[in-house]
Amino acid sequence: PGDDTPVCTKQLNSYNDGLESFSALNAQILGISAQGVDSHEAFATRHGLAFPLLADTDKAVAGAYGTLGPLGFLRRSVFICDATMTIRYAHRAMAGLTYRPVSELVEALQEISE
């Protein structure tokens, strides 16, 4: 849900560290949250992230994907879409204290590829 928050930083760094696993399955990682492009660029540069961070400043994407929680806060979520952009895996957390590990996402990608 936010640049430089503890869990987001750990999550995105772990996904960045696992990029080879995702690339091997022809998967593209994208991060999206409500901060603006300037915040995302600074965060990505500071942590050496090698995938795009998208800005959803008006939370329209979050609303469309059902990731807005109480009081308009974003719920930590992960989606995997296939080549036709059909959602094949979705995880919307009630609280953003944990995140889906690389191993779980790679397993989901492998199942989709079969």
N, C-alpha and C. Protein backbone atom coordinates (compact mmCIF):
# COMPACT_ATOMS: atom_id res chain seq x y z
N PRO A 1 0.76 -1.23 0.00
CA PRO A 1 0.00 0.00 0.00
C PRO A 1 0.81 1.30 0.00
N GLY A 2 2.13 1.26 0.31
CA GLY A 2 2.82 2.54 0.31
C GLY A 2 4.32 2.46 0.21
N ASP A 3 4.88 3.38 -0.56
CA ASP A 3 6.33 3.50 -0.67
C ASP A 3 6.95 3.71 0.71
N ASP A 4 8.04 3.01 0.95
CA ASP A 4 8.83 3.15 2.17
C ASP A 4 8.13 2.71 3.45
N THR A 5 7.00 2.04 3.35
CA THR A 5 6.43 1.44 4.55
C THR A 5 7.15 0.11 4.77
N PRO A 6 7.26 -0.35 6.01
CA PRO A 6 8.08 -1.53 6.28
C PRO A 6 7.69 -2.78 5.49
N VAL A 7 6.40 -3.12 5.45
CA VAL A 7 6.00 -4.36 4.78
C VAL A 7 6.13 -4.22 3.26
N CYS A 8 5.75 -3.09 2.71
CA CYS A 8 5.89 -2.89 1.26
C CYS A 8 7.35 -2.97 0.84
N THR A 9 8.21 -2.38 1.64
CA THR A 9 9.63 -2.40 1.31
C THR A 9 10.14 -3.84 1.29
N LYS A 10 9.79 -4.62 2.30
CA LYS A 10 10.20 -6.03 2.34
C LYS A 10 9.60 -6.80 1.17
N GLN A 11 8.32 -6.58 0.90
CA GLN A 11 7.63 -7.30 -0.17
C GLN A 11 8.27 -7.01 -1.52
N LEU A 12 8.42 -5.76 -1.86
CA LEU A 12 8.94 -5.42 -3.18
C LEU A 12 10.41 -5.80 -3.33
N ASN A 13 11.18 -5.70 -2.25
CA ASN A 13 12.56 -6.18 -2.33
C ASN A 13 12.61 -7.69 -2.53
N SER A 14 11.71 -8.43 -1.90
CA SER A 14 11.71 -9.89 -2.11
C SER A 14 11.31 -10.24 -3.53
N TYR A 15 10.36 -9.51 -4.10
CA TYR A 15 9.97 -9.75 -5.49
C TYR A 15 11.10 -9.37 -6.43
N ASN A 16 11.80 -8.29 -6.12
CA ASN A 16 12.93 -7.88 -6.93
C ASN A 16 14.03 -8.95 -6.88
N ASP A 17 14.27 -9.49 -5.69
CA ASP A 17 15.27 -10.56 -5.55
C ASP A 17 14.85 -11.83 -6.30
N GLY A 18 13.54 -12.03 -6.48
CA GLY A 18 13.03 -13.21 -7.18
C GLY A 18 12.74 -12.98 -8.65
N LEU A 19 13.20 -11.88 -9.21
CA LEU A 19 12.87 -11.55 -10.60
C LEU A 19 13.27 -12.65 -11.58
N GLU A 20 14.38 -13.32 -11.35
CA GLU A 20 14.79 -14.39 -12.26
C GLU A 20 13.75 -15.50 -12.30
N SER A 21 13.18 -15.83 -11.15
CA SER A 21 12.15 -16.87 -11.10
C SER A 21 10.91 -16.45 -11.89
N PHE A 22 10.53 -15.18 -11.77
CA PHE A 22 9.38 -14.68 -12.52
C PHE A 22 9.69 -14.61 -14.01
N SER A 23 10.87 -14.12 -14.34
CA SER A 23 11.27 -14.00 -15.75
C SER A 23 11.32 -15.36 -16.43
N ALA A 24 11.77 -16.37 -15.70
CA ALA A 24 11.86 -17.72 -16.26
C ALA A 24 10.48 -18.25 -16.67
N LEU A 25 9.43 -17.70 -16.06
CA LEU A 25 8.07 -18.10 -16.40
C LEU A 25 7.39 -17.06 -17.29
N ASN A 26 8.19 -16.16 -17.85
CA ASN A 26 7.69 -15.12 -18.75
C ASN A 26 6.66 -14.21 -18.08
N ALA A 27 6.89 -13.93 -16.80
CA ALA A 27 5.97 -13.08 -16.03
C ALA A 27 6.56 -11.69 -15.86
N GLN A 28 5.71 -10.69 -15.91
CA GLN A 28 6.09 -9.29 -15.70
C GLN A 28 5.54 -8.85 -14.36
N ILE A 29 6.38 -8.31 -13.51
CA ILE A 29 5.96 -7.77 -12.22
C ILE A 29 5.66 -6.29 -12.38
N LEU A 30 4.54 -5.86 -11.80
CA LEU A 30 4.19 -4.44 -11.73
C LEU A 30 3.74 -4.17 -10.30
N GLY A 31 4.16 -3.06 -9.76
CA GLY A 31 3.66 -2.62 -8.46
C GLY A 31 2.76 -1.43 -8.68
N ILE A 32 1.73 -1.31 -7.84
CA ILE A 32 0.83 -0.16 -7.98
C ILE A 32 0.34 0.25 -6.60
N SER A 33 0.37 1.55 -6.35
CA SER A 33 -0.18 2.08 -5.11
C SER A 33 -0.57 3.54 -5.35
N ALA A 34 -1.07 4.17 -4.31
CA ALA A 34 -1.66 5.50 -4.46
C ALA A 34 -0.65 6.64 -4.47
N GLN A 35 0.61 6.36 -4.19
CA GLN A 35 1.60 7.45 -4.24
C GLN A 35 1.83 7.87 -5.69
N GLY A 36 2.35 9.05 -5.84
CA GLY A 36 2.60 9.58 -7.17
C GLY A 36 3.88 9.04 -7.79
N VAL A 37 4.08 9.38 -9.04
CA VAL A 37 5.23 8.90 -9.81
C VAL A 37 6.54 9.32 -9.17
N ASP A 38 6.63 10.56 -8.69
CA ASP A 38 7.88 11.02 -8.07
C ASP A 38 8.25 10.17 -6.86
N SER A 39 7.27 9.86 -6.02
CA SER A 39 7.50 9.02 -4.85
C SER A 39 7.96 7.63 -5.28
N HIS A 40 7.28 7.07 -6.30
CA HIS A 40 7.65 5.74 -6.79
C HIS A 40 9.06 5.72 -7.36
N GLU A 41 9.41 6.74 -8.13
CA GLU A 41 10.76 6.78 -8.72
C GLU A 41 11.83 6.85 -7.65
N ALA A 42 11.61 7.66 -6.62
CA ALA A 42 12.57 7.77 -5.53
C ALA A 42 12.69 6.45 -4.77
N PHE A 43 11.56 5.82 -4.48
CA PHE A 43 11.53 4.54 -3.77
C PHE A 43 12.24 3.46 -4.58
N ALA A 44 11.90 3.36 -5.87
CA ALA A 44 12.52 2.35 -6.73
C ALA A 44 14.02 2.55 -6.86
N THR A 45 14.45 3.78 -6.98
CA THR A 45 15.88 4.08 -7.08
C THR A 45 16.59 3.73 -5.78
N ARG A 46 16.00 4.11 -4.66
CA ARG A 46 16.59 3.86 -3.35
C ARG A 46 16.80 2.36 -3.10
N HIS A 47 15.89 1.53 -3.61
CA HIS A 47 15.94 0.08 -3.35
C HIS A 47 16.40 -0.73 -4.56
N GLY A 48 16.70 -0.07 -5.66
CA GLY A 48 17.19 -0.78 -6.84
C GLY A 48 16.15 -1.69 -7.48
N LEU A 49 14.90 -1.28 -7.43
CA LEU A 49 13.83 -2.11 -8.00
C LEU A 49 13.93 -2.10 -9.52
N ALA A 50 13.82 -3.29 -10.10
CA ALA A 50 13.99 -3.44 -11.55
C ALA A 50 12.67 -3.73 -12.26
N PHE A 51 11.57 -3.29 -11.67
CA PHE A 51 10.26 -3.45 -12.31
C PHE A 51 9.47 -2.16 -12.09
N PRO A 52 8.49 -1.90 -12.95
CA PRO A 52 7.75 -0.64 -12.88
C PRO A 52 6.84 -0.54 -11.66
N LEU A 53 6.74 0.68 -11.13
CA LEU A 53 5.77 1.02 -10.10
C LEU A 53 4.79 2.01 -10.72
N LEU A 54 3.52 1.68 -10.66
CA LEU A 54 2.48 2.50 -11.27
C LEU A 54 1.75 3.32 -10.21
N ALA A 55 1.32 4.51 -10.58
CA ALA A 55 0.64 5.42 -9.65
C ALA A 55 -0.87 5.37 -9.86
N ASP A 56 -1.60 5.08 -8.79
CA ASP A 56 -3.06 5.07 -8.78
C ASP A 56 -3.53 6.12 -7.78
N THR A 57 -3.16 7.37 -8.06
CA THR A 57 -3.38 8.45 -7.09
C THR A 57 -4.85 8.70 -6.77
N ASP A 58 -5.74 8.40 -7.70
CA ASP A 58 -7.17 8.59 -7.43
C ASP A 58 -7.84 7.29 -6.96
N LYS A 59 -7.06 6.23 -6.83
CA LYS A 59 -7.50 4.92 -6.33
C LYS A 59 -8.57 4.28 -7.23
N ALA A 60 -8.62 4.69 -8.49
CA ALA A 60 -9.60 4.13 -9.42
C ALA A 60 -9.30 2.65 -9.70
N VAL A 61 -8.03 2.31 -9.87
CA VAL A 61 -7.66 0.91 -10.12
C VAL A 61 -7.96 0.08 -8.88
N ALA A 62 -7.61 0.60 -7.71
CA ALA A 62 -7.89 -0.12 -6.46
C ALA A 62 -9.39 -0.38 -6.33
N GLY A 63 -10.20 0.59 -6.66
CA GLY A 63 -11.65 0.40 -6.60
C GLY A 63 -12.13 -0.65 -7.58
N ALA A 64 -11.59 -0.63 -8.79
CA ALA A 64 -11.99 -1.59 -9.82
C ALA A 64 -11.60 -3.02 -9.46
N TYR A 65 -10.49 -3.19 -8.75
CA TYR A 65 -10.00 -4.52 -8.39
C TYR A 65 -10.43 -4.95 -6.99
N GLY A 66 -11.26 -4.16 -6.33
CA GLY A 66 -11.76 -4.53 -5.02
C GLY A 66 -10.71 -4.54 -3.93
N THR A 67 -9.76 -3.61 -4.01
CA THR A 67 -8.69 -3.59 -3.01
C THR A 67 -8.76 -2.39 -2.07
N LEU A 68 -9.87 -1.67 -2.11
CA LEU A 68 -10.04 -0.57 -1.15
C LEU A 68 -10.66 -1.13 0.11
N GLY A 69 -9.99 -0.88 1.21
CA GLY A 69 -10.48 -1.34 2.50
C GLY A 69 -11.25 -0.24 3.20
N PRO A 70 -11.46 -0.43 4.51
CA PRO A 70 -12.18 0.57 5.30
C PRO A 70 -11.51 1.94 5.22
N LEU A 71 -12.34 2.95 5.17
CA LEU A 71 -11.88 4.34 5.13
C LEU A 71 -11.01 4.67 3.92
N GLY A 72 -11.09 3.85 2.87
CA GLY A 72 -10.34 4.12 1.65
C GLY A 72 -8.90 3.68 1.67
N PHE A 73 -8.50 2.96 2.73
CA PHE A 73 -7.13 2.44 2.78
C PHE A 73 -7.00 1.27 1.83
N LEU A 74 -5.84 1.13 1.21
CA LEU A 74 -5.60 0.03 0.27
C LEU A 74 -5.32 -1.26 1.01
N ARG A 75 -5.85 -2.35 0.49
CA ARG A 75 -5.57 -3.68 1.02
C ARG A 75 -4.41 -4.27 0.22
N ARG A 76 -3.43 -4.83 0.93
CA ARG A 76 -2.29 -5.45 0.25
C ARG A 76 -2.83 -6.60 -0.60
N SER A 77 -2.58 -6.55 -1.88
CA SER A 77 -3.17 -7.51 -2.81
C SER A 77 -2.18 -7.91 -3.89
N VAL A 78 -2.38 -9.10 -4.43
CA VAL A 78 -1.56 -9.61 -5.54
C VAL A 78 -2.50 -10.25 -6.54
N PHE A 79 -2.29 -9.93 -7.80
CA PHE A 79 -3.07 -10.53 -8.89
C PHE A 79 -2.10 -11.11 -9.91
N ILE A 80 -2.46 -12.26 -10.45
CA ILE A 80 -1.74 -12.83 -11.58
C ILE A 80 -2.73 -12.95 -12.71
N CYS A 81 -2.37 -12.34 -13.83
CA CYS A 81 -3.22 -12.39 -15.03
C CYS A 81 -2.52 -13.24 -16.08
N ASP A 82 -3.33 -13.92 -16.89
CA ASP A 82 -2.74 -14.71 -17.98
C ASP A 82 -2.54 -13.81 -19.19
N ALA A 83 -2.15 -14.39 -20.30
CA ALA A 83 -1.83 -13.62 -21.51
C ALA A 83 -3.02 -12.84 -22.05
N THR A 84 -4.25 -13.26 -21.71
CA THR A 84 -5.44 -12.55 -22.17
C THR A 84 -5.91 -11.52 -21.15
N MET A 85 -5.10 -11.31 -20.09
CA MET A 85 -5.39 -10.38 -18.99
C MET A 85 -6.56 -10.82 -18.12
N THR A 86 -6.84 -12.13 -18.14
CA THR A 86 -7.83 -12.70 -17.24
C THR A 86 -7.15 -12.97 -15.90
N ILE A 87 -7.76 -12.54 -14.82
CA ILE A 87 -7.19 -12.78 -13.50
C ILE A 87 -7.29 -14.27 -13.20
N ARG A 88 -6.15 -14.89 -12.95
CA ARG A 88 -6.09 -16.32 -12.66
C ARG A 88 -5.73 -16.61 -11.20
N TYR A 89 -5.26 -15.61 -10.49
CA TYR A 89 -4.91 -15.73 -9.07
C TYR A 89 -5.16 -14.37 -8.45
N ALA A 90 -5.80 -14.37 -7.29
CA ALA A 90 -6.02 -13.11 -6.59
C ALA A 90 -5.89 -13.35 -5.09
N HIS A 91 -5.19 -12.47 -4.45
CA HIS A 91 -5.10 -12.48 -3.00
C HIS A 91 -5.30 -11.05 -2.52
N ARG A 92 -6.36 -10.84 -1.75
CA ARG A 92 -6.65 -9.53 -1.17
C ARG A 92 -6.61 -9.71 0.34
N ALA A 93 -5.61 -9.16 0.96
CA ALA A 93 -5.44 -9.32 2.41
C ALA A 93 -6.42 -8.42 3.16
N MET A 94 -6.88 -8.90 4.30
CA MET A 94 -7.72 -8.07 5.16
C MET A 94 -6.86 -7.01 5.86
N ALA A 95 -5.67 -7.43 6.27
CA ALA A 95 -4.70 -6.50 6.89
C ALA A 95 -3.40 -6.62 6.09
N GLY A 96 -2.66 -5.56 6.03
CA GLY A 96 -1.46 -5.56 5.19
C GLY A 96 -0.19 -5.89 5.94
N LEU A 97 -0.26 -6.79 6.90
CA LEU A 97 0.91 -7.08 7.72
C LEU A 97 1.80 -8.17 7.14
N THR A 98 1.28 -8.92 6.19
CA THR A 98 2.07 -9.96 5.53
C THR A 98 1.87 -9.83 4.03
N TYR A 99 2.63 -10.62 3.29
CA TYR A 99 2.49 -10.61 1.84
C TYR A 99 2.74 -12.01 1.31
N ARG A 100 2.32 -12.25 0.08
CA ARG A 100 2.49 -13.56 -0.56
C ARG A 100 3.95 -13.71 -0.95
N PRO A 101 4.58 -14.81 -0.56
CA PRO A 101 5.99 -15.01 -0.88
C PRO A 101 6.21 -15.36 -2.36
N VAL A 102 7.42 -15.14 -2.82
CA VAL A 102 7.79 -15.46 -4.20
C VAL A 102 7.45 -16.91 -4.52
N SER A 103 7.76 -17.83 -3.62
CA SER A 103 7.52 -19.26 -3.89
C SER A 103 6.06 -19.55 -4.19
N GLU A 104 5.14 -18.91 -3.48
CA GLU A 104 3.71 -19.12 -3.72
C GLU A 104 3.30 -18.58 -5.08
N LEU A 105 3.82 -17.42 -5.42
CA LEU A 105 3.46 -16.81 -6.71
C LEU A 105 4.06 -17.59 -7.88
N VAL A 106 5.28 -18.08 -7.71
CA VAL A 106 5.90 -18.90 -8.76
C VAL A 106 5.09 -20.19 -8.94
N GLU A 107 4.65 -20.79 -7.85
CA GLU A 107 3.83 -22.00 -7.95
C GLU A 107 2.53 -21.72 -8.69
N ALA A 108 1.89 -20.60 -8.38
CA ALA A 108 0.65 -20.22 -9.07
C ALA A 108 0.91 -19.99 -10.56
N LEU A 109 2.02 -19.35 -10.88
CA LEU A 109 2.38 -19.12 -12.29
C LEU A 109 2.63 -20.43 -13.01
N GLN A 110 3.28 -21.37 -12.37
CA GLN A 110 3.54 -22.67 -12.98
C GLN A 110 2.23 -23.40 -13.27
N GLU A 111 1.29 -23.33 -12.35
CA GLU A 111 -0.02 -23.97 -12.55
C GLU A 111 -0.75 -23.34 -13.73
N ILE A 112 -0.68 -22.03 -13.85
CA ILE A 112 -1.34 -21.33 -14.96
C ILE A 112 -0.71 -21.71 -16.29
N SER A 113 0.60 -21.91 -16.28
CA SER A 113 1.34 -22.23 -17.51
C SER A 113 1.07 -23.64 -18.02
N GLU A 114 0.59 -24.50 -17.15
CA GLU A 114 0.38 -25.91 -17.55
C GLU A 114 -0.81 -26.08 -18.44
